[in-house]
All heavy atoms as atom14 arrays in JSON, in Angstrom:
{
  "sequence": "GVKEIMLIAQELTYYGLDIYKKRMLADLLHKLADVKGLH",
  "atom14_mask": [
    [1, 1, 1, 1, 0, 0, 0, 0, 0, 0, 0, 0, 0, 0],
    [1, 1, 1, 1, 1, 1, 1, 0, 0, 0, 0, 0, 0, 0],
    [1, 1, 1, 1, 1, 1, 1, 1, 1, 0, 0, 0, 0, 0],
    [1, 1, 1, 1, 1, 1, 1, 1, 1, 0, 0, 0, 0, 0],
    [1, 1, 1, 1, 1, 1, 1, 1, 0, 0, 0, 0, 0, 0],
    [1, 1, 1, 1, 1, 1, 1, 1, 0, 0, 0, 0, 0, 0],
    [1, 1, 1, 1, 1, 1, 1, 1, 0, 0, 0, 0, 0, 0],
    [1, 1, 1, 1, 1, 1, 1, 1, 0, 0, 0, 0, 0, 0],
    [1, 1, 1, 1, 1, 0, 0, 0, 0, 0, 0, 0, 0, 0],
    [1, 1, 1, 1, 1, 1, 1, 1, 1, 0, 0, 0, 0, 0],
    [1, 1, 1, 1, 1, 1, 1, 1, 1, 0, 0, 0, 0, 0],
    [1, 1, 1, 1, 1, 1, 1, 1, 0, 0, 0, 0, 0, 0],
    [1, 1, 1, 1, 1, 1, 1, 0, 0, 0, 0, 0, 0, 0],
    [1, 1, 1, 1, 1, 1, 1, 1, 1, 1, 1, 1, 0, 0],
    [1, 1, 1, 1, 1, 1, 1, 1, 1, 1, 1, 1, 0, 0],
    [1, 1, 1, 1, 0, 0, 0, 0, 0, 0, 0, 0, 0, 0],
    [1, 1, 1, 1, 1, 1, 1, 1, 0, 0, 0, 0, 0, 0],
    [1, 1, 1, 1, 1, 1, 1, 1, 0, 0, 0, 0, 0, 0],
    [1, 1, 1, 1, 1, 1, 1, 1, 0, 0, 0, 0, 0, 0],
    [1, 1, 1, 1, 1, 1, 1, 1, 1, 1, 1, 1, 0, 0],
    [1, 1, 1, 1, 1, 1, 1, 1, 1, 0, 0, 0, 0, 0],
    [1, 1, 1, 1, 1, 1, 1, 1, 1, 0, 0, 0, 0, 0],
    [1, 1, 1, 1, 1, 1, 1, 1, 1, 1, 1, 0, 0, 0],
    [1, 1, 1, 1, 1, 1, 1, 1, 0, 0, 0, 0, 0, 0],
    [1, 1, 1, 1, 1, 1, 1, 1, 0, 0, 0, 0, 0, 0],
    [1, 1, 1, 1, 1, 0, 0, 0, 0, 0, 0, 0, 0, 0],
    [1, 1, 1, 1, 1, 1, 1, 1, 0, 0, 0, 0, 0, 0],
    [1, 1, 1, 1, 1, 1, 1, 1, 0, 0, 0, 0, 0, 0],
    [1, 1, 1, 1, 1, 1, 1, 1, 0, 0, 0, 0, 0, 0],
    [1, 1, 1, 1, 1, 1, 1, 1, 1, 1, 0, 0, 0, 0],
    [1, 1, 1, 1, 1, 1, 1, 1, 1, 0, 0, 0, 0, 0],
    [1, 1, 1, 1, 1, 1, 1, 1, 0, 0, 0, 0, 0, 0],
    [1, 1, 1, 1, 1, 0, 0, 0, 0, 0, 0, 0, 0, 0],
    [1, 1, 1, 1, 1, 1, 1, 1, 0, 0, 0, 0, 0, 0],
    [1, 1, 1, 1, 1, 1, 1, 0, 0, 0, 0, 0, 0, 0],
    [1, 1, 1, 1, 1, 1, 1, 1, 1, 0, 0, 0, 0, 0],
    [1, 1, 1, 1, 0, 0, 0, 0, 0, 0, 0, 0, 0, 0],
    [1, 1, 1, 1, 1, 1, 1, 1, 0, 0, 0, 0, 0, 0],
    [1, 1, 1, 1, 1, 1, 1, 1, 1, 1, 0, 0, 0, 0]
  ],
  "atom14_positions": [
    [[-10.84, 4.52, 14.66], [-11.95, 5.25, 14.05], [-11.69, 5.78, 12.66], [-12.53, 6.46, 12.08], [0.0, 0.0, 0.0], [0.0, 0.0, 0.0], [0.0, 0.0, 0.0], [0.0, 0.0, 0.0], [0.0, 0.0, 0.0], [0.0, 0.0, 0.0], [0.0, 0.0, 0.0], [0.0, 0.0, 0.0], [0.0, 0.0, 0.0], [0.0, 0.0, 0.0]],
    [[-10.51, 5.46, 12.1], [-10.15, 5.97, 10.76], [-10.97, 5.25, 9.68], [-11.05, 4.03, 9.67], [-8.63, 5.79, 10.51], [-8.28, 6.03, 9.05], [-7.84, 6.74, 11.41], [0.0, 0.0, 0.0], [0.0, 0.0, 0.0], [0.0, 0.0, 0.0], [0.0, 0.0, 0.0], [0.0, 0.0, 0.0], [0.0, 0.0, 0.0], [0.0, 0.0, 0.0]],
    [[-11.56, 6.04, 8.77], [-12.34, 5.48, 7.65], [-11.56, 5.57, 6.33], [-11.81, 4.8, 5.41], [-13.64, 6.28, 7.48], [-14.49, 6.43, 8.74], [-15.41, 5.25, 8.92], [-16.31, 5.4, 10.14], [-17.38, 6.37, 9.92], [0.0, 0.0, 0.0], [0.0, 0.0, 0.0], [0.0, 0.0, 0.0], [0.0, 0.0, 0.0], [0.0, 0.0, 0.0]],
    [[-10.67, 6.56, 6.24], [-9.94, 6.81, 4.99], [-8.45, 6.88, 5.27], [-8.01, 7.57, 6.19], [-10.41, 8.14, 4.38], [-9.61, 8.58, 3.17], [-9.96, 9.99, 2.69], [-10.55, 10.76, 3.46], [-9.65, 10.3, 1.52], [0.0, 0.0, 0.0], [0.0, 0.0, 0.0], [0.0, 0.0, 0.0], [0.0, 0.0, 0.0], [0.0, 0.0, 0.0]],
    [[-7.68, 6.14, 4.47], [-6.22, 6.18, 4.6], [-5.63, 6.7, 3.29], [-6.0, 6.25, 2.21], [-5.67, 4.78, 4.95], [-5.86, 4.5, 6.44], [-4.21, 4.65, 4.58], [-5.43, 3.12, 6.87], [0.0, 0.0, 0.0], [0.0, 0.0, 0.0], [0.0, 0.0, 0.0], [0.0, 0.0, 0.0], [0.0, 0.0, 0.0], [0.0, 0.0, 0.0]],
    [[-4.73, 7.67, 3.42], [-4.04, 8.21, 2.25], [-2.62, 7.68, 2.23], [-1.85, 7.94, 3.16], [-4.07, 9.74, 2.29], [-5.45, 10.27, 1.95], [-5.72, 11.94, 2.52], [-6.24, 11.67, 4.19], [0.0, 0.0, 0.0], [0.0, 0.0, 0.0], [0.0, 0.0, 0.0], [0.0, 0.0, 0.0], [0.0, 0.0, 0.0], [0.0, 0.0, 0.0]],
    [[-2.28, 6.91, 1.2], [-0.93, 6.35, 1.1], [0.01, 7.44, 0.61], [-0.24, 8.09, -0.42], [-0.88, 5.19, 0.11], [-1.76, 3.97, 0.4], [-1.33, 2.81, -0.47], [-1.7, 3.56, 1.87], [0.0, 0.0, 0.0], [0.0, 0.0, 0.0], [0.0, 0.0, 0.0], [0.0, 0.0, 0.0], [0.0, 0.0, 0.0], [0.0, 0.0, 0.0]],
    [[1.09, 7.66, 1.35], [2.06, 8.69, 0.98], [3.47, 8.11, 1.0], [3.75, 7.13, 1.69], [1.98, 9.93, 1.92], [2.15, 9.51, 3.38], [0.68, 10.69, 1.7], [2.33, 10.66, 4.34], [0.0, 0.0, 0.0], [0.0, 0.0, 0.0], [0.0, 0.0, 0.0], [0.0, 0.0, 0.0], [0.0, 0.0, 0.0], [0.0, 0.0, 0.0]],
    [[4.32, 8.73, 0.22], [5.74, 8.37, 0.15], [6.37, 9.48, -0.67], [5.68, 10.29, -1.27], [5.92, 7.03, -0.54], [0.0, 0.0, 0.0], [0.0, 0.0, 0.0], [0.0, 0.0, 0.0], [0.0, 0.0, 0.0], [0.0, 0.0, 0.0], [0.0, 0.0, 0.0], [0.0, 0.0, 0.0], [0.0, 0.0, 0.0], [0.0, 0.0, 0.0]],
    [[7.7, 9.52, -0.71], [8.34, 10.42, -1.66], [7.96, 9.96, -3.07], [7.82, 10.74, -3.98], [9.86, 10.37, -1.49], [10.49, 11.53, -0.77], [9.88, 11.85, 0.59], [9.87, 11.01, 1.48], [9.37, 13.03, 0.76], [0.0, 0.0, 0.0], [0.0, 0.0, 0.0], [0.0, 0.0, 0.0], [0.0, 0.0, 0.0], [0.0, 0.0, 0.0]],
    [[7.78, 8.64, -3.23], [7.53, 8.06, -4.55], [6.86, 6.69, -4.37], [7.51, 5.71, -4.06], [8.9, 7.91, -5.25], [8.84, 8.01, -6.75], [8.55, 6.71, -7.44], [7.41, 6.24, -7.3], [9.43, 6.19, -8.14], [0.0, 0.0, 0.0], [0.0, 0.0, 0.0], [0.0, 0.0, 0.0], [0.0, 0.0, 0.0], [0.0, 0.0, 0.0]],
    [[5.51, 6.66, -4.53], [4.74, 5.44, -4.26], [5.11, 4.25, -5.16], [5.19, 3.12, -4.69], [3.25, 5.7, -4.51], [2.36, 6.33, -3.45], [0.91, 6.22, -3.89], [2.54, 5.71, -2.08], [0.0, 0.0, 0.0], [0.0, 0.0, 0.0], [0.0, 0.0, 0.0], [0.0, 0.0, 0.0], [0.0, 0.0, 0.0], [0.0, 0.0, 0.0]],
    [[5.3, 4.51, -6.45], [5.39, 3.41, -7.4], [6.7, 2.62, -7.3], [6.81, 1.53, -7.83], [5.22, 3.91, -8.85], [6.2, 4.92, -9.11], [3.84, 4.48, -9.07], [0.0, 0.0, 0.0], [0.0, 0.0, 0.0], [0.0, 0.0, 0.0], [0.0, 0.0, 0.0], [0.0, 0.0, 0.0], [0.0, 0.0, 0.0], [0.0, 0.0, 0.0]],
    [[7.69, 3.17, -6.58], [8.97, 2.49, -6.37], [8.85, 1.45, -5.25], [9.75, 0.66, -5.02], [10.03, 3.54, -6.01], [11.46, 3.15, -6.3], [12.02, 3.39, -7.55], [12.26, 2.54, -5.34], [13.34, 3.05, -7.82], [13.58, 2.19, -5.61], [14.11, 2.45, -6.85], [15.4, 2.11, -7.13], [0.0, 0.0, 0.0], [0.0, 0.0, 0.0]],
    [[7.7, 1.47, -4.56], [7.52, 0.65, -3.36], [7.87, -0.83, -3.62], [7.39, -1.44, -4.57], [6.08, 0.74, -2.83], [5.86, -0.17, -1.65], [6.33, 0.19, -0.39], [5.27, -1.42, -1.8], [6.2, -0.67, 0.69], [5.14, -2.28, -0.72], [5.61, -1.9, 0.52], [5.5, -2.76, 1.58], [0.0, 0.0, 0.0], [0.0, 0.0, 0.0]],
    [[8.7, -1.38, -2.74], [9.02, -2.8, -2.77], [10.3, -3.17, -3.49], [10.86, -4.24, -3.24], [0.0, 0.0, 0.0], [0.0, 0.0, 0.0], [0.0, 0.0, 0.0], [0.0, 0.0, 0.0], [0.0, 0.0, 0.0], [0.0, 0.0, 0.0], [0.0, 0.0, 0.0], [0.0, 0.0, 0.0], [0.0, 0.0, 0.0], [0.0, 0.0, 0.0]],
    [[10.78, -2.3, -4.38], [11.97, -2.66, -5.18], [13.19, -2.94, -4.32], [14.0, -3.8, -4.66], [12.29, -1.52, -6.17], [11.62, -1.63, -7.54], [11.87, -0.36, -8.35], [12.13, -2.84, -8.32], [0.0, 0.0, 0.0], [0.0, 0.0, 0.0], [0.0, 0.0, 0.0], [0.0, 0.0, 0.0], [0.0, 0.0, 0.0], [0.0, 0.0, 0.0]],
    [[13.31, -2.25, -3.18], [14.49, -2.45, -2.34], [14.4, -3.71, -1.49], [15.36, -4.46, -1.4], [14.72, -1.21, -1.45], [13.49, -0.82, -0.64], [12.36, -1.07, -1.12], [13.65, -0.27, 0.47], [0.0, 0.0, 0.0], [0.0, 0.0, 0.0], [0.0, 0.0, 0.0], [0.0, 0.0, 0.0], [0.0, 0.0, 0.0], [0.0, 0.0, 0.0]],
    [[13.23, -3.99, -0.92], [13.16, -5.13, 0.01], [12.6, -6.4, -0.64], [12.89, -7.51, -0.19], [12.37, -4.79, 1.3], [10.97, -4.26, 0.99], [13.15, -3.82, 2.17], [10.11, -4.03, 2.24], [0.0, 0.0, 0.0], [0.0, 0.0, 0.0], [0.0, 0.0, 0.0], [0.0, 0.0, 0.0], [0.0, 0.0, 0.0], [0.0, 0.0, 0.0]],
    [[11.79, -6.25, -1.7], [11.22, -7.44, -2.37], [11.81, -7.67, -3.77], [11.44, -8.62, -4.44], [9.7, -7.31, -2.48], [9.01, -7.16, -1.14], [8.34, -5.98, -0.82], [9.02, -8.19, -0.2], [7.7, -5.82, 0.41], [8.39, -8.05, 1.02], [7.73, -6.86, 1.32], [7.1, -6.72, 2.53], [0.0, 0.0, 0.0], [0.0, 0.0, 0.0]],
    [[12.67, -6.76, -4.19], [13.34, -6.83, -5.51], [12.37, -6.71, -6.69], [12.7, -7.05, -7.81], [14.16, -8.13, -5.67], [15.17, -8.36, -4.55], [16.1, -7.18, -4.34], [16.95, -7.32, -3.08], [17.38, -6.04, -2.53], [0.0, 0.0, 0.0], [0.0, 0.0, 0.0], [0.0, 0.0, 0.0], [0.0, 0.0, 0.0], [0.0, 0.0, 0.0]],
    [[11.16, -6.26, -6.43], [10.22, -5.93, -7.51], [9.19, -4.94, -6.97], [9.02, -4.81, -5.75], [9.53, -7.2, -8.04], [8.7, -7.96, -7.03], [8.0, -9.13, -7.7], [7.1, -9.85, -6.7], [6.24, -10.84, -7.35], [0.0, 0.0, 0.0], [0.0, 0.0, 0.0], [0.0, 0.0, 0.0], [0.0, 0.0, 0.0], [0.0, 0.0, 0.0]],
    [[8.51, -4.25, -7.89], [7.48, -3.28, -7.47], [6.31, -4.04, -6.86], [5.77, -4.95, -7.47], [7.02, -2.46, -8.68], [8.11, -1.56, -9.24], [7.66, -0.86, -10.51], [8.8, -0.2, -11.16], [9.13, 1.07, -10.96], [8.42, 1.83, -10.15], [10.16, 1.6, -11.59], [0.0, 0.0, 0.0], [0.0, 0.0, 0.0], [0.0, 0.0, 0.0]],
    [[5.93, -3.62, -5.64], [4.93, -4.39, -4.88], [3.72, -3.55, -4.46], [2.97, -3.96, -3.57], [5.6, -5.0, -3.65], [6.57, -6.11, -3.95], [5.75, -7.65, -4.44], [5.25, -8.29, -2.86], [0.0, 0.0, 0.0], [0.0, 0.0, 0.0], [0.0, 0.0, 0.0], [0.0, 0.0, 0.0], [0.0, 0.0, 0.0], [0.0, 0.0, 0.0]],
    [[3.54, -2.39, -5.08], [2.42, -1.55, -4.66], [1.08, -2.25, -4.88], [0.18, -2.15, -4.04], [2.46, -0.2, -5.41], [1.39, 0.83, -5.0], [1.45, 1.13, -3.51], [1.56, 2.12, -5.79], [0.0, 0.0, 0.0], [0.0, 0.0, 0.0], [0.0, 0.0, 0.0], [0.0, 0.0, 0.0], [0.0, 0.0, 0.0], [0.0, 0.0, 0.0]],
    [[0.93, -2.97, -5.99], [-0.33, -3.68, -6.27], [-0.62, -4.7, -5.17], [-1.76, -4.8, -4.68], [-0.27, -4.36, -7.64], [0.0, 0.0, 0.0], [0.0, 0.0, 0.0], [0.0, 0.0, 0.0], [0.0, 0.0, 0.0], [0.0, 0.0, 0.0], [0.0, 0.0, 0.0], [0.0, 0.0, 0.0], [0.0, 0.0, 0.0], [0.0, 0.0, 0.0]],
    [[0.4, -5.46, -4.75], [0.23, -6.47, -3.68], [-0.16, -5.78, -2.37], [-1.05, -6.26, -1.65], [1.52, -7.25, -3.48], [1.96, -7.97, -4.74], [2.35, -7.3, -5.73], [1.89, -9.2, -4.75], [0.0, 0.0, 0.0], [0.0, 0.0, 0.0], [0.0, 0.0, 0.0], [0.0, 0.0, 0.0], [0.0, 0.0, 0.0], [0.0, 0.0, 0.0]],
    [[0.5, -4.67, -2.07], [0.18, -3.93, -0.84], [-1.27, -3.46, -0.87], [-2.0, -3.57, 0.13], [1.13, -2.73, -0.69], [0.79, -1.75, 0.45], [0.92, -2.45, 1.82], [1.7, -0.53, 0.41], [0.0, 0.0, 0.0], [0.0, 0.0, 0.0], [0.0, 0.0, 0.0], [0.0, 0.0, 0.0], [0.0, 0.0, 0.0], [0.0, 0.0, 0.0]],
    [[-1.72, -2.94, -2.01], [-3.09, -2.45, -2.13], [-4.1, -3.56, -1.88], [-5.1, -3.36, -1.19], [-3.32, -1.82, -3.5], [-2.64, -0.46, -3.73], [-2.79, -0.02, -5.18], [-3.2, 0.6, -2.8], [0.0, 0.0, 0.0], [0.0, 0.0, 0.0], [0.0, 0.0, 0.0], [0.0, 0.0, 0.0], [0.0, 0.0, 0.0], [0.0, 0.0, 0.0]],
    [[-3.85, -4.74, -2.44], [-4.75, -5.88, -2.21], [-4.87, -6.18, -0.72], [-5.97, -6.38, -0.2], [-4.25, -7.13, -2.95], [-4.86, -7.31, -4.3], [-6.23, -7.36, -4.51], [-4.29, -7.46, -5.53], [-6.48, -7.54, -5.81], [-5.31, -7.59, -6.45], [0.0, 0.0, 0.0], [0.0, 0.0, 0.0], [0.0, 0.0, 0.0], [0.0, 0.0, 0.0]],
    [[-3.71, -6.2, -0.03], [-3.71, -6.53, 1.4], [-4.44, -5.44, 2.22], [-5.19, -5.74, 3.15], [-2.26, -6.67, 1.9], [-1.52, -7.89, 1.32], [-1.9, -9.14, 2.07], [-1.03, -10.35, 1.85], [-0.33, -10.52, 0.61], [0.0, 0.0, 0.0], [0.0, 0.0, 0.0], [0.0, 0.0, 0.0], [0.0, 0.0, 0.0], [0.0, 0.0, 0.0]],
    [[-4.2, -4.17, 1.88], [-4.86, -3.08, 2.6], [-6.36, -3.07, 2.33], [-7.17, -2.78, 3.22], [-4.25, -1.73, 2.2], [-2.83, -1.46, 2.69], [-2.29, -0.16, 2.11], [-2.76, -1.4, 4.23], [0.0, 0.0, 0.0], [0.0, 0.0, 0.0], [0.0, 0.0, 0.0], [0.0, 0.0, 0.0], [0.0, 0.0, 0.0], [0.0, 0.0, 0.0]],
    [[-6.75, -3.4, 1.1], [-8.17, -3.43, 0.75], [-8.92, -4.5, 1.54], [-10.14, -4.42, 1.72], [-8.34, -3.65, -0.75], [0.0, 0.0, 0.0], [0.0, 0.0, 0.0], [0.0, 0.0, 0.0], [0.0, 0.0, 0.0], [0.0, 0.0, 0.0], [0.0, 0.0, 0.0], [0.0, 0.0, 0.0], [0.0, 0.0, 0.0], [0.0, 0.0, 0.0]],
    [[-8.18, -5.5, 2.06], [-8.8, -6.56, 2.87], [-9.05, -6.12, 4.31], [-9.72, -6.84, 5.06], [-7.89, -7.8, 2.9], [-7.91, -8.55, 1.57], [-8.89, -8.42, 0.82], [-6.92, -9.28, 1.28], [0.0, 0.0, 0.0], [0.0, 0.0, 0.0], [0.0, 0.0, 0.0], [0.0, 0.0, 0.0], [0.0, 0.0, 0.0], [0.0, 0.0, 0.0]],
    [[-8.49, -5.0, 4.72], [-8.65, -4.55, 6.12], [-10.11, -4.17, 6.37], [-10.65, -3.26, 5.73], [-7.71, -3.36, 6.45], [-8.0, -2.82, 7.85], [-6.25, -3.79, 6.32], [0.0, 0.0, 0.0], [0.0, 0.0, 0.0], [0.0, 0.0, 0.0], [0.0, 0.0, 0.0], [0.0, 0.0, 0.0], [0.0, 0.0, 0.0], [0.0, 0.0, 0.0]],
    [[-10.76, -4.88, 7.28], [-12.18, -4.65, 7.56], [-12.39, -3.25, 8.17], [-11.66, -2.86, 9.07], [-12.71, -5.72, 8.51], [-12.92, -7.06, 7.83], [-13.61, -8.08, 8.74], [-13.99, -9.34, 8.0], [-12.85, -10.0, 7.34], [0.0, 0.0, 0.0], [0.0, 0.0, 0.0], [0.0, 0.0, 0.0], [0.0, 0.0, 0.0], [0.0, 0.0, 0.0]],
    [[-13.4, -2.56, 7.67], [-13.72, -1.24, 8.22], [-12.99, -0.1, 7.54], [-13.21, 1.06, 7.87], [0.0, 0.0, 0.0], [0.0, 0.0, 0.0], [0.0, 0.0, 0.0], [0.0, 0.0, 0.0], [0.0, 0.0, 0.0], [0.0, 0.0, 0.0], [0.0, 0.0, 0.0], [0.0, 0.0, 0.0], [0.0, 0.0, 0.0], [0.0, 0.0, 0.0]],
    [[-12.11, -0.42, 6.58], [-11.38, 0.63, 5.85], [-12.19, 0.95, 4.59], [-12.28, 0.15, 3.67], [-9.97, 0.15, 5.51], [-9.02, 1.16, 4.87], [-8.98, 2.46, 5.64], [-7.62, 0.58, 4.77], [0.0, 0.0, 0.0], [0.0, 0.0, 0.0], [0.0, 0.0, 0.0], [0.0, 0.0, 0.0], [0.0, 0.0, 0.0], [0.0, 0.0, 0.0]],
    [[-12.8, 2.14, 4.56], [-13.74, 2.48, 3.49], [-13.05, 3.05, 2.25], [-13.47, 2.78, 1.14], [-14.76, 3.52, 4.01], [-15.68, 2.97, 5.05], [-16.97, 2.57, 4.77], [-15.49, 2.72, 6.37], [-17.53, 2.12, 5.89], [-16.66, 2.2, 6.86], [0.0, 0.0, 0.0], [0.0, 0.0, 0.0], [0.0, 0.0, 0.0], [0.0, 0.0, 0.0]]
  ]
}
């Protein structure tokens, strides 16, 4: 029933550097924006 998701971290923009070896926040946002029903 969730309509709004707030992305949190100690530091959002560093996301992906450790596991993908580059900043991946933009890619994550694209994938999350595709989730049906997420307003």
